[in-house]
Amino acid sequence: MDFLNRIFGGGSRGSSGDPDGLYYYVRPQGCDEVIRVRINRMNDLSLADDGKSYWVHKVVRGIKCRQTVDLNLYFDSNKRLTNTEIENGDLVDVSAYDEWMAQQNPNP
């Protein structure tokens, strides 16, 4: 489902030097920090019980906010995102991450 990738920034490449990296952005509940989560398409994904699709589980914790977030991502046989489950946080888009980062470094 490409619309999930567009909404949450998933599937976006970090740079041309990171073709296997998929990036997602998480905001823990009760915190303003936005954390970038990198998924390696070639190493982090586990084959699901159906033998065709993939999934990954990440426990995410930021530097400023100590709230942990459980993130489960599900992918089809072509390693495209199909579903997300998140506890103790929200998936946000890359612009929320960029905005949070800009607030951390107001004088570039």
PDB file of N, CA and C in Angstrom:
ATOM      1  N   MET A   1       0.838  -1.174   0.000  1.00  0.00           N
ATOM      2  CA  MET A   1       0.000   0.000   0.000  1.00  0.00           C
ATOM      3  C   MET A   1       0.880   1.232   0.000  1.00  0.00           C
ATOM      4  N   ASP A   2       1.049   1.804  -1.140  1.00  0.00           N
ATOM      5  CA  ASP A   2       1.935   2.946  -1.276  1.00  0.00           C
ATOM      6  C   ASP A   2       1.466   4.150  -0.468  1.00  0.00           C
ATOM      7  N   PHE A   3       0.150   4.262  -0.227  1.00  0.00           N
ATOM      8  CA  PHE A   3      -0.328   5.426   0.514  1.00  0.00           C
ATOM      9  C   PHE A   3       0.210   5.425   1.942  1.00  0.00           C
ATOM     10  N   LEU A   4       0.421   4.259   2.560  1.00  0.00           N
ATOM     11  CA  LEU A   4       1.025   4.212   3.896  1.00  0.00           C
ATOM     12  C   LEU A   4       2.439   4.754   3.851  1.00  0.00           C
ATOM     13  N   ASN A   5       3.182   4.392   2.815  1.00  0.00           N
ATOM     14  CA  ASN A   5       4.548   4.907   2.682  1.00  0.00           C
ATOM     15  C   ASN A   5       4.554   6.411   2.512  1.00  0.00           C
ATOM     16  N   ARG A   6       3.633   6.948   1.724  1.00  0.00           N
ATOM     17  CA  ARG A   6       3.596   8.395   1.511  1.00  0.00           C
ATOM     18  C   ARG A   6       3.204   9.125   2.784  1.00  0.00           C
ATOM     19  N   ILE A   7       2.252   8.583   3.538  1.00  0.00           N
ATOM     20  CA  ILE A   7       1.775   9.249   4.741  1.00  0.00           C
ATOM     21  C   ILE A   7       2.846   9.268   5.820  1.00  0.00           C
ATOM     22  N   PHE A   8       3.489   8.142   6.060  1.00  0.00           N
ATOM     23  CA  PHE A   8       4.399   8.020   7.191  1.00  0.00           C
ATOM     24  C   PHE A   8       5.863   8.162   6.826  1.00  0.00           C
ATOM     25  N   GLY A   9       6.160   8.393   5.571  1.00  0.00           N
ATOM     26  CA  GLY A   9       7.550   8.571   5.188  1.00  0.00           C
ATOM     27  C   GLY A   9       8.287   7.259   5.044  1.00  0.00           C
ATOM     28  N   GLY A  10       7.605   6.153   5.253  1.00  0.00           N
ATOM     29  CA  GLY A  10       8.242   4.854   5.152  1.00  0.00           C
ATOM     30  C   GLY A  10       8.634   4.546   3.725  1.00  0.00           C
ATOM     31  N   GLY A  11       9.657   3.777   3.613  1.00  0.00           N
ATOM     32  CA  GLY A  11      10.122   3.400   2.296  1.00  0.00           C
ATOM     33  C   GLY A  11      11.012   4.443   1.674  1.00  0.00           C
ATOM     34  N   SER A  12      11.048   5.617   2.269  1.00  0.00           N
ATOM     35  CA  SER A  12      11.915   6.644   1.700  1.00  0.00           C
ATOM     36  C   SER A  12      13.354   6.271   1.964  1.00  0.00           C
ATOM     37  N   ARG A  13      14.181   6.485   1.019  1.00  0.00           N
ATOM     38  CA  ARG A  13      15.598   6.157   1.153  1.00  0.00           C
ATOM     39  C   ARG A  13      16.288   7.291   1.894  1.00  0.00           C
ATOM     40  N   GLY A  14      17.196   6.940   2.776  1.00  0.00           N
ATOM     41  CA  GLY A  14      17.946   7.945   3.513  1.00  0.00           C
ATOM     42  C   GLY A  14      18.838   8.736   2.581  1.00  0.00           C
ATOM     43  N   SER A  15      19.445   8.058   1.639  1.00  0.00           N
ATOM     44  CA  SER A  15      20.279   8.695   0.643  1.00  0.00           C
ATOM     45  C   SER A  15      20.586   7.656  -0.416  1.00  0.00           C
ATOM     46  N   SER A  16      21.187   8.085  -1.502  1.00  0.00           N
ATOM     47  CA  SER A  16      21.512   7.134  -2.553  1.00  0.00           C
ATOM     48  C   SER A  16      22.533   6.115  -2.065  1.00  0.00           C
ATOM     49  N   GLY A  17      23.257   6.411  -0.994  1.00  0.00           N
ATOM     50  CA  GLY A  17      24.220   5.489  -0.431  1.00  0.00           C
ATOM     51  C   GLY A  17      23.599   4.462   0.499  1.00  0.00           C
ATOM     52  N   ASP A  18      22.288   4.479   0.671  1.00  0.00           N
ATOM     53  CA  ASP A  18      21.598   3.552   1.570  1.00  0.00           C
ATOM     54  C   ASP A  18      20.385   2.946   0.869  1.00  0.00           C
ATOM     55  N   PRO A  19      20.592   2.152  -0.177  1.00  0.00           N
ATOM     56  CA  PRO A  19      19.458   1.641  -0.951  1.00  0.00           C
ATOM     57  C   PRO A  19      18.592   0.646  -0.191  1.00  0.00           C
ATOM     58  N   ASP A  20      19.109   0.024   0.870  1.00  0.00           N
ATOM     59  CA  ASP A  20      18.325  -0.962   1.602  1.00  0.00           C
ATOM     60  C   ASP A  20      17.631  -0.385   2.832  1.00  0.00           C
ATOM     61  N   GLY A  21      17.859   0.899   3.122  1.00  0.00           N
ATOM     62  CA  GLY A  21      17.272   1.509   4.305  1.00  0.00           C
ATOM     63  C   GLY A  21      15.878   2.036   4.045  1.00  0.00           C
ATOM     64  N   LEU A  22      14.955   1.672   4.929  1.00  0.00           N
ATOM     65  CA  LEU A  22      13.596   2.219   4.936  1.00  0.00           C
ATOM     66  C   LEU A  22      13.476   3.012   6.230  1.00  0.00           C
ATOM     67  N   TYR A  23      12.942   4.217   6.158  1.00  0.00           N
ATOM     68  CA  TYR A  23      12.887   5.093   7.321  1.00  0.00           C
ATOM     69  C   TYR A  23      11.447   5.386   7.718  1.00  0.00           C
ATOM     70  N   TYR A  24      11.195   5.280   9.026  1.00  0.00           N
ATOM     71  CA  TYR A  24       9.900   5.586   9.614  1.00  0.00           C
ATOM     72  C   TYR A  24      10.150   6.538  10.780  1.00  0.00           C
ATOM     73  N   TYR A  25       9.126   7.294  11.144  1.00  0.00           N
ATOM     74  CA  TYR A  25       9.288   8.345  12.153  1.00  0.00           C
ATOM     75  C   TYR A  25       8.244   8.153  13.241  1.00  0.00           C
ATOM     76  N   VAL A  26       8.703   8.126  14.485  1.00  0.00           N
ATOM     77  CA  VAL A  26       7.868   7.781  15.628  1.00  0.00           C
ATOM     78  C   VAL A  26       7.925   8.903  16.657  1.00  0.00           C
ATOM     79  N   ARG A  27       6.753   9.259  17.190  1.00  0.00           N
ATOM     80  CA  ARG A  27       6.666  10.205  18.312  1.00  0.00           C
ATOM     81  C   ARG A  27       6.093   9.441  19.505  1.00  0.00           C
ATOM     82  N   PRO A  28       6.893   9.265  20.573  1.00  0.00           N
ATOM     83  CA  PRO A  28       6.387   8.575  21.770  1.00  0.00           C
ATOM     84  C   PRO A  28       5.260   9.373  22.423  1.00  0.00           C
ATOM     85  N   GLN A  29       4.335   8.656  23.060  1.00  0.00           N
ATOM     86  CA  GLN A  29       3.245   9.326  23.769  1.00  0.00           C
ATOM     87  C   GLN A  29       3.803  10.191  24.881  1.00  0.00           C
ATOM     88  N   GLY A  30       3.261  11.386  25.001  1.00  0.00           N
ATOM     89  CA  GLY A  30       3.654  12.296  26.061  1.00  0.00           C
ATOM     90  C   GLY A  30       4.976  13.006  25.832  1.00  0.00           C
ATOM     91  N   CYS A  31       5.521  12.894  24.634  1.00  0.00           N
ATOM     92  CA  CYS A  31       6.813  13.512  24.323  1.00  0.00           C
ATOM     93  C   CYS A  31       6.696  14.307  23.023  1.00  0.00           C
ATOM     94  N   ASP A  32       7.575  15.284  22.868  1.00  0.00           N
ATOM     95  CA  ASP A  32       7.594  15.999  21.593  1.00  0.00           C
ATOM     96  C   ASP A  32       8.707  15.491  20.681  1.00  0.00           C
ATOM     97  N   GLU A  33       9.579  14.624  21.192  1.00  0.00           N
ATOM     98  CA  GLU A  33      10.683  14.083  20.391  1.00  0.00           C
ATOM     99  C   GLU A  33      10.144  13.226  19.245  1.00  0.00           C
ATOM    100  N   VAL A  34      10.778  13.330  18.102  1.00  0.00           N
ATOM    101  CA  VAL A  34      10.458  12.485  16.954  1.00  0.00           C
ATOM    102  C   VAL A  34      11.716  11.680  16.632  1.00  0.00           C
ATOM    103  N   ILE A  35      11.557  10.369  16.562  1.00  0.00           N
ATOM    104  CA  ILE A  35      12.685   9.460  16.395  1.00  0.00           C
ATOM    105  C   ILE A  35      12.636   8.829  15.006  1.00  0.00           C
ATOM    106  N   ARG A  36      13.769   8.874  14.337  1.00  0.00           N
ATOM    107  CA  ARG A  36      13.874   8.216  13.028  1.00  0.00           C
ATOM    108  C   ARG A  36      14.291   6.765  13.263  1.00  0.00           C
ATOM    109  N   VAL A  37      13.525   5.856  12.651  1.00  0.00           N
ATOM    110  CA  VAL A  37      13.788   4.428  12.779  1.00  0.00           C
ATOM    111  C   VAL A  37      14.197   3.901  11.407  1.00  0.00           C
ATOM    112  N   ARG A  38      15.362   3.259  11.353  1.00  0.00           N
ATOM    113  CA  ARG A  38      15.842   2.685  10.095  1.00  0.00           C
ATOM    114  C   ARG A  38      15.577   1.183  10.101  1.00  0.00           C
ATOM    115  N   ILE A  39      14.961   0.718   9.011  1.00  0.00           N
ATOM    116  CA  ILE A  39      14.741  -0.709   8.799  1.00  0.00           C
ATOM    117  C   ILE A  39      15.592  -1.114   7.603  1.00  0.00           C
ATOM    118  N   ASN A  40      16.401  -2.147   7.764  1.00  0.00           N
ATOM    119  CA  ASN A  40      17.176  -2.668   6.655  1.00  0.00           C
ATOM    120  C   ASN A  40      16.344  -3.742   5.972  1.00  0.00           C
ATOM    121  N   ARG A  41      15.948  -3.472   4.723  1.00  0.00           N
ATOM    122  CA  ARG A  41      15.086  -4.417   3.991  1.00  0.00           C
ATOM    123  C   ARG A  41      15.713  -5.795   3.848  1.00  0.00           C
ATOM    124  N   MET A  42      17.030  -5.858   3.803  1.00  0.00           N
ATOM    125  CA  MET A  42      17.707  -7.128   3.559  1.00  0.00           C
ATOM    126  C   MET A  42      17.995  -7.916   4.842  1.00  0.00           C
ATOM    127  N   ASN A  43      18.095  -7.238   5.992  1.00  0.00           N
ATOM    128  CA  ASN A  43      18.497  -7.926   7.225  1.00  0.00           C
ATOM    129  C   ASN A  43      17.470  -7.895   8.347  1.00  0.00           C
ATOM    130  N   ASP A  44      16.652  -6.856   8.440  1.00  0.00           N
ATOM    131  CA  ASP A  44      15.749  -6.720   9.582  1.00  0.00           C
ATOM    132  C   ASP A  44      14.427  -7.455   9.412  1.00  0.00           C
ATOM    133  N   LEU A  45      14.007  -7.691   8.193  1.00  0.00           N
ATOM    134  CA  LEU A  45      12.697  -8.300   7.967  1.00  0.00           C
ATOM    135  C   LEU A  45      12.751  -9.809   8.189  1.00  0.00           C
ATOM    136  N   SER A  46      11.742 -10.316   8.880  1.00  0.00           N
ATOM    137  CA  SER A  46      11.614 -11.759   9.122  1.00  0.00           C
ATOM    138  C   SER A  46      10.484 -12.299   8.269  1.00  0.00           C
ATOM    139  N   LEU A  47      10.663 -13.502   7.772  1.00  0.00           N
ATOM    140  CA  LEU A  47       9.623 -14.156   6.988  1.00  0.00           C
ATOM    141  C   LEU A  47       8.468 -14.518   7.910  1.00  0.00           C
ATOM    142  N   ALA A  48       7.261 -14.175   7.505  1.00  0.00           N
ATOM    143  CA  ALA A  48       6.070 -14.457   8.308  1.00  0.00           C
ATOM    144  C   ALA A  48       5.702 -15.935   8.207  1.00  0.00           C
ATOM    145  N   ASP A  49       4.771 -16.356   9.038  1.00  0.00           N
ATOM    146  CA  ASP A  49       4.351 -17.753   9.075  1.00  0.00           C
ATOM    147  C   ASP A  49       3.773 -18.240   7.752  1.00  0.00           C
ATOM    148  N   ASP A  50       3.219 -17.324   6.951  1.00  0.00           N
ATOM    149  CA  ASP A  50       2.639 -17.740   5.674  1.00  0.00           C
ATOM    150  C   ASP A  50       3.708 -18.067   4.624  1.00  0.00           C
ATOM    151  N   GLY A  51       4.967 -17.777   4.927  1.00  0.00           N
ATOM    152  CA  GLY A  51       6.061 -18.084   4.018  1.00  0.00           C
ATOM    153  C   GLY A  51       6.176 -17.153   2.829  1.00  0.00           C
ATOM    154  N   LYS A  52       5.362 -16.093   2.810  1.00  0.00           N
ATOM    155  CA  LYS A  52       5.357 -15.170   1.672  1.00  0.00           C
ATOM    156  C   LYS A  52       5.597 -13.720   2.075  1.00  0.00           C
ATOM    157  N   SER A  53       5.044 -13.310   3.183  1.00  0.00           N
ATOM    158  CA  SER A  53       5.152 -11.912   3.595  1.00  0.00           C
ATOM    159  C   SER A  53       6.212 -11.783   4.688  1.00  0.00           C
ATOM    160  N   TYR A  54       6.463 -10.524   5.087  1.00  0.00           N
ATOM    161  CA  TYR A  54       7.511 -10.233   6.050  1.00  0.00           C
ATOM    162  C   TYR A  54       6.994  -9.323   7.146  1.00  0.00           C
ATOM    163  N   TRP A  55       7.719  -9.282   8.251  1.00  0.00           N
ATOM    164  CA  TRP A  55       7.385  -8.381   9.344  1.00  0.00           C
ATOM    165  C   TRP A  55       8.657  -8.036  10.106  1.00  0.00           C
ATOM    166  N   VAL A  56       8.575  -6.965  10.887  1.00  0.00           N
ATOM    167  CA  VAL A  56       9.674  -6.577  11.765  1.00  0.00           C
ATOM    168  C   VAL A  56       9.075  -5.945  13.015  1.00  0.00           C
ATOM    169  N   HIS A  57       9.724  -6.200  14.145  1.00  0.00           N
ATOM    170  CA  HIS A  57       9.339  -5.588  15.420  1.00  0.00           C
ATOM    171  C   HIS A  57      10.526  -4.772  15.908  1.00  0.00           C
ATOM    172  N   LYS A  58      10.277  -3.540  16.282  1.00  0.00           N
ATOM    173  CA  LYS A  58      11.316  -2.671  16.838  1.00  0.00           C
ATOM    174  C   LYS A  58      10.813  -2.077  18.146  1.00  0.00           C
ATOM    175  N   VAL A  59      11.679  -2.036  19.140  1.00  0.00           N
ATOM    176  CA  VAL A  59      11.420  -1.287  20.361  1.00  0.00           C
ATOM    177  C   VAL A  59      12.219  -0.002  20.226  1.00  0.00           C
ATOM    178  N   VAL A  60      11.514   1.122  20.263  1.00  0.00           N
ATOM    179  CA  VAL A  60      12.112   2.421  19.956  1.00  0.00           C
ATOM    180  C   VAL A  60      12.130   3.266  21.222  1.00  0.00           C
ATOM    181  N   ARG A  61      13.289   3.888  21.484  1.00  0.00           N
ATOM    182  CA  ARG A  61      13.386   4.843  22.591  1.00  0.00           C
ATOM    183  C   ARG A  61      14.312   5.970  22.146  1.00  0.00           C
ATOM    184  N   GLY A  62      13.904   7.176  22.429  1.00  0.00           N
ATOM    185  CA  GLY A  62      14.686   8.329  22.023  1.00  0.00           C
ATOM    186  C   GLY A  62      15.777   8.673  23.011  1.00  0.00           C
ATOM    187  N   ILE A  63      16.391   9.808  22.765  1.00  0.00           N
ATOM    188  CA  ILE A  63      17.460  10.295  23.637  1.00  0.00           C
ATOM    189  C   ILE A  63      16.887  11.172  24.741  1.00  0.00           C
ATOM    190  N   LYS A  64      15.974  12.052  24.376  1.00  0.00           N
ATOM    191  CA  LYS A  64      15.408  12.991  25.345  1.00  0.00           C
ATOM    192  C   LYS A  64      14.208  12.406  26.074  1.00  0.00           C
ATOM    193  N   CYS A  65      13.454  11.584  25.402  1.00  0.00           N
ATOM    194  CA  CYS A  65      12.260  10.969  25.976  1.00  0.00           C
ATOM    195  C   CYS A  65      12.551   9.497  26.236  1.00  0.00           C
ATOM    196  N   ARG A  66      12.314   9.060  27.449  1.00  0.00           N
ATOM    197  CA  ARG A  66      12.625   7.673  27.804  1.00  0.00           C
ATOM    198  C   ARG A  66      11.441   6.717  27.625  1.00  0.00           C
ATOM    199  N   GLN A  67      10.344   7.211  27.095  1.00  0.00           N
ATOM    200  CA  GLN A  67       9.179   6.373  26.817  1.00  0.00           C
ATOM    201  C   GLN A  67       9.516   5.399  25.692  1.00  0.00           C
ATOM    202  N   THR A  68       9.300   4.100  25.896  1.00  0.00           N
ATOM    203  CA  THR A  68       9.552   3.139  24.829  1.00  0.00           C
ATOM    204  C   THR A  68       8.298   2.966  23.977  1.00  0.00           C
ATOM    205  N   VAL A  69       8.538   2.715  22.704  1.00  0.00           N
ATOM    206  CA  VAL A  69       7.461   2.515  21.727  1.00  0.00           C
ATOM    207  C   VAL A  69       7.686   1.163  21.070  1.00  0.00           C
ATOM    208  N   ASP A  70       6.630   0.355  20.994  1.00  0.00           N
ATOM    209  CA  ASP A  70       6.683  -0.912  20.260  1.00  0.00           C
ATOM    210  C   ASP A  70       6.129  -0.684  18.868  1.00  0.00           C
ATOM    211  N   LEU A  71       6.937  -0.996  17.872  1.00  0.00           N
ATOM    212  CA  LEU A  71       6.567  -0.774  16.476  1.00  0.00           C
ATOM    213  C   LEU A  71       6.615  -2.098  15.732  1.00  0.00           C
ATOM    214  N   ASN A  72       5.495  -2.489  15.125  1.00  0.00           N
ATOM    215  CA  ASN A  72       5.414  -3.666  14.273  1.00  0.00           C
ATOM    216  C   ASN A  72       5.048  -3.204  12.870  1.00  0.00           C
ATOM    217  N   LEU A  73       5.850  -3.609  11.904  1.00  0.00           N
ATOM    218  CA  LEU A  73       5.607  -3.268  10.505  1.00  0.00           C
ATOM    219  C   LEU A  73       5.445  -4.558   9.715  1.00  0.00           C
ATOM    220  N   TYR A  74       4.467  -4.570   8.826  1.00  0.00           N
ATOM    221  CA  TYR A  74       4.170  -5.754   8.019  1.00  0.00           C
ATOM    222  C   TYR A  74       4.329  -5.409   6.546  1.00  0.00           C
ATOM    223  N   PHE A  75       4.941  -6.322   5.811  1.00  0.00           N
ATOM    224  CA  PHE A  75       5.278  -6.103   4.408  1.00  0.00           C
ATOM    225  C   PHE A  75       4.762  -7.256   3.550  1.00  0.00           C
ATOM    226  N   ASP A  76       4.495  -6.969   2.286  1.00  0.00           N
ATOM    227  CA  ASP A  76       4.079  -8.021   1.362  1.00  0.00           C
ATOM    228  C   ASP A  76       5.301  -8.775   0.839  1.00  0.00           C
ATOM    229  N   SER A  77       5.091  -9.670  -0.102  1.00  0.00           N
ATOM    230  CA  SER A  77       6.184 -10.494  -0.627  1.00  0.00           C
ATOM    231  C   SER A  77       7.226  -9.675  -1.382  1.00  0.00           C
ATOM    232  N   ASN A  78       6.858  -8.459  -1.807  1.00  0.00           N
ATOM    233  CA  ASN A  78       7.803  -7.559  -2.480  1.00  0.00           C
ATOM    234  C   ASN A  78       8.440  -6.557  -1.515  1.00  0.00           C
ATOM    235  N   LYS A  79       8.242  -6.798  -0.225  1.00  0.00           N
ATOM    236  CA  LYS A  79       8.789  -5.962   0.848  1.00  0.00           C
ATOM    237  C   LYS A  79       8.272  -4.523   0.807  1.00  0.00           C
ATOM    238  N   ARG A  80       6.991  -4.402   0.443  1.00  0.00           N
ATOM    239  CA  ARG A  80       6.294  -3.109   0.500  1.00  0.00           C
ATOM    240  C   ARG A  80       5.395  -3.113   1.733  1.00  0.00           C
ATOM    241  N   LEU A  81       5.375  -2.000   2.438  1.00  0.00           N
ATOM    242  CA  LEU A  81       4.602  -1.877   3.668  1.00  0.00           C
ATOM    243  C   LEU A  81       3.118  -2.099   3.406  1.00  0.00           C
ATOM    244  N   THR A  82       2.492  -2.963   4.233  1.00  0.00           N
ATOM    245  CA  THR A  82       1.055  -3.213   4.108  1.00  0.00           C
ATOM    246  C   THR A  82       0.280  -2.829   5.360  1.00  0.00           C
ATOM    247  N   ASN A  83       0.934  -2.866   6.533  1.00  0.00           N
ATOM    248  CA  ASN A  83       0.206  -2.572   7.761  1.00  0.00           C
ATOM    249  C   ASN A  83       1.203  -2.160   8.847  1.00  0.00           C
ATOM    250  N   THR A  84       0.718  -1.381   9.794  1.00  0.00           N
ATOM    251  CA  THR A  84       1.534  -0.973  10.929  1.00  0.00           C
ATOM    252  C   THR A  84       0.742  -1.140  12.217  1.00  0.00           C
ATOM    253  N   GLU A  85       1.449  -1.475  13.280  1.00  0.00           N
ATOM    254  CA  GLU A  85       0.882  -1.497  14.628  1.00  0.00           C
ATOM    255  C   GLU A  85       1.887  -0.778  15.520  1.00  0.00           C
ATOM    256  N   ILE A  86       1.384   0.113  16.361  1.00  0.00           N
ATOM    257  CA  ILE A  86       2.275   0.873  17.233  1.00  0.00           C
ATOM    258  C   ILE A  86       1.618   1.023  18.601  1.00  0.00           C
ATOM    259  N   GLU A  87       2.419   0.823  19.649  1.00  0.00           N
ATOM    260  CA  GLU A  87       1.949   0.991  21.024  1.00  0.00           C
ATOM    261  C   GLU A  87       2.797   2.058  21.704  1.00  0.00           C
ATOM    262  N   ASN A  88       2.157   2.929  22.437  1.00  0.00           N
ATOM    263  CA  ASN A  88       2.804   3.994  23.211  1.00  0.00           C
ATOM    264  C   ASN A  88       3.422   5.080  22.333  1.00  0.00           C
ATOM    265  N   GLY A  89       2.869   5.277  21.159  1.00  0.00           N
ATOM    266  CA  GLY A  89       3.370   6.326  20.279  1.00  0.00           C
ATOM    267  C   GLY A  89       2.575   6.410  19.006  1.00  0.00           C
ATOM    268  N   ASP A  90       3.028   7.291  18.134  1.00  0.00           N
ATOM    269  CA  ASP A  90       2.360   7.495  16.856  1.00  0.00           C
ATOM    270  C   ASP A  90       3.396   7.555  15.746  1.00  0.00           C
ATOM    271  N   LEU A  91       3.023   7.044  14.583  1.00  0.00           N
ATOM    272  CA  LEU A  91       3.839   7.249  13.397  1.00  0.00           C
ATOM    273  C   LEU A  91       3.541   8.647  12.882  1.00  0.00           C
ATOM    274  N   VAL A  92       4.585   9.367  12.518  1.00  0.00           N
ATOM    275  CA  VAL A  92       4.419  10.708  11.955  1.00  0.00           C
ATOM    276  C   VAL A  92       5.183  10.761  10.641  1.00  0.00           C
ATOM    277  N   ASP A  93       5.031  11.838   9.914  1.00  0.00           N
ATOM    278  CA  ASP A  93       5.721  11.936   8.626  1.00  0.00           C
ATOM    279  C   ASP A  93       7.084  12.595   8.778  1.00  0.00           C
ATOM    280  N   VAL A  94       7.843  12.569   7.710  1.00  0.00           N
ATOM    281  CA  VAL A  94       9.213  13.078   7.726  1.00  0.00           C
ATOM    282  C   VAL A  94       9.249  14.570   8.043  1.00  0.00           C
ATOM    283  N   SER A  95       8.210  15.302   7.688  1.00  0.00           N
ATOM    284  CA  SER A  95       8.208  16.738   7.976  1.00  0.00           C
ATOM    285  C   SER A  95       8.166  16.998   9.483  1.00  0.00           C
ATOM    286  N   ALA A  96       7.484  16.149  10.251  1.00  0.00           N
ATOM    287  CA  ALA A  96       7.472  16.298  11.710  1.00  0.00           C
ATOM    288  C   ALA A  96       8.873  16.060  12.276  1.00  0.00           C
ATOM    289  N   TYR A  97       9.577  15.105  11.702  1.00  0.00           N
ATOM    290  CA  TYR A  97      10.963  14.845  12.120  1.00  0.00           C
ATOM    291  C   TYR A  97      11.855  16.032  11.775  1.00  0.00           C
ATOM    292  N   ASP A  98      11.738  16.541  10.556  1.00  0.00           N
ATOM    293  CA  ASP A  98      12.548  17.687  10.144  1.00  0.00           C
ATOM    294  C   ASP A  98      12.288  18.901  11.033  1.00  0.00           C
ATOM    295  N   GLU A  99      11.023  19.128  11.364  1.00  0.00           N
ATOM    296  CA  GLU A  99      10.658  20.256  12.227  1.00  0.00           C
ATOM    297  C   GLU A  99      11.250  20.080  13.622  1.00  0.00           C
ATOM    298  N   TRP A 100      11.150  18.876  14.172  1.00  0.00           N
ATOM    299  CA  TRP A 100      11.706  18.628  15.501  1.00  0.00           C
ATOM    300  C   TRP A 100      13.221  18.804  15.497  1.00  0.00           C
ATOM    301  N   MET A 101      13.886  18.303  14.462  1.00  0.00           N
ATOM    302  CA  MET A 101      15.332  18.448  14.357  1.00  0.00           C
ATOM    303  C   MET A 101      15.737  19.921  14.257  1.00  0.00           C
ATOM    304  N   ALA A 102      14.963  20.712  13.497  1.00  0.00           N
ATOM    305  CA  ALA A 102      15.264  22.135  13.363  1.00  0.00           C
ATOM    306  C   ALA A 102      15.152  22.844  14.713  1.00  0.00           C
ATOM    307  N   GLN A 103      14.217  22.432  15.556  1.00  0.00           N
ATOM    308  CA  GLN A 103      14.067  23.029  16.874  1.00  0.00           C
ATOM    309  C   GLN A 103      15.253  22.691  17.777  1.00  0.00           C
ATOM    310  N   GLN A 104      15.890  21.548  17.536  1.00  0.00           N
ATOM    311  CA  GLN A 104      17.025  21.136  18.357  1.00  0.00           C
ATOM    312  C   GLN A 104      18.296  21.905  17.994  1.00  0.00           C
ATOM    313  N   ASN A 105      18.381  22.324  16.753  1.00  0.00           N
ATOM    314  CA  ASN A 105      19.547  23.063  16.257  1.00  0.00           C
ATOM    315  C   ASN A 105      19.095  24.366  15.616  1.00  0.00           C
ATOM    316  N   PRO A 106      18.646  25.349  16.410  1.00  0.00           N
ATOM    317  CA  PRO A 106      18.075  26.567  15.828  1.00  0.00           C
ATOM    318  C   PRO A 106      19.097  27.401  15.054  1.00  0.00           C
ATOM    319  N   ASN A 107      20.378  27.224  15.301  1.00  0.00           N
ATOM    320  CA  ASN A 107      21.414  27.994  14.589  1.00  0.00           C
ATOM    321  C   ASN A 107      22.289  27.043  13.789  1.00  0.00           C
ATOM    322  N   PRO A 108      21.862  26.705  12.554  1.00  0.00           N
ATOM    323  CA  PRO A 108      22.644  25.729  11.770  1.00  0.00           C
ATOM    324  C   PRO A 108      24.009  26.228  11.397  1.00  0.00           C
TER     325      PRO A 108
END
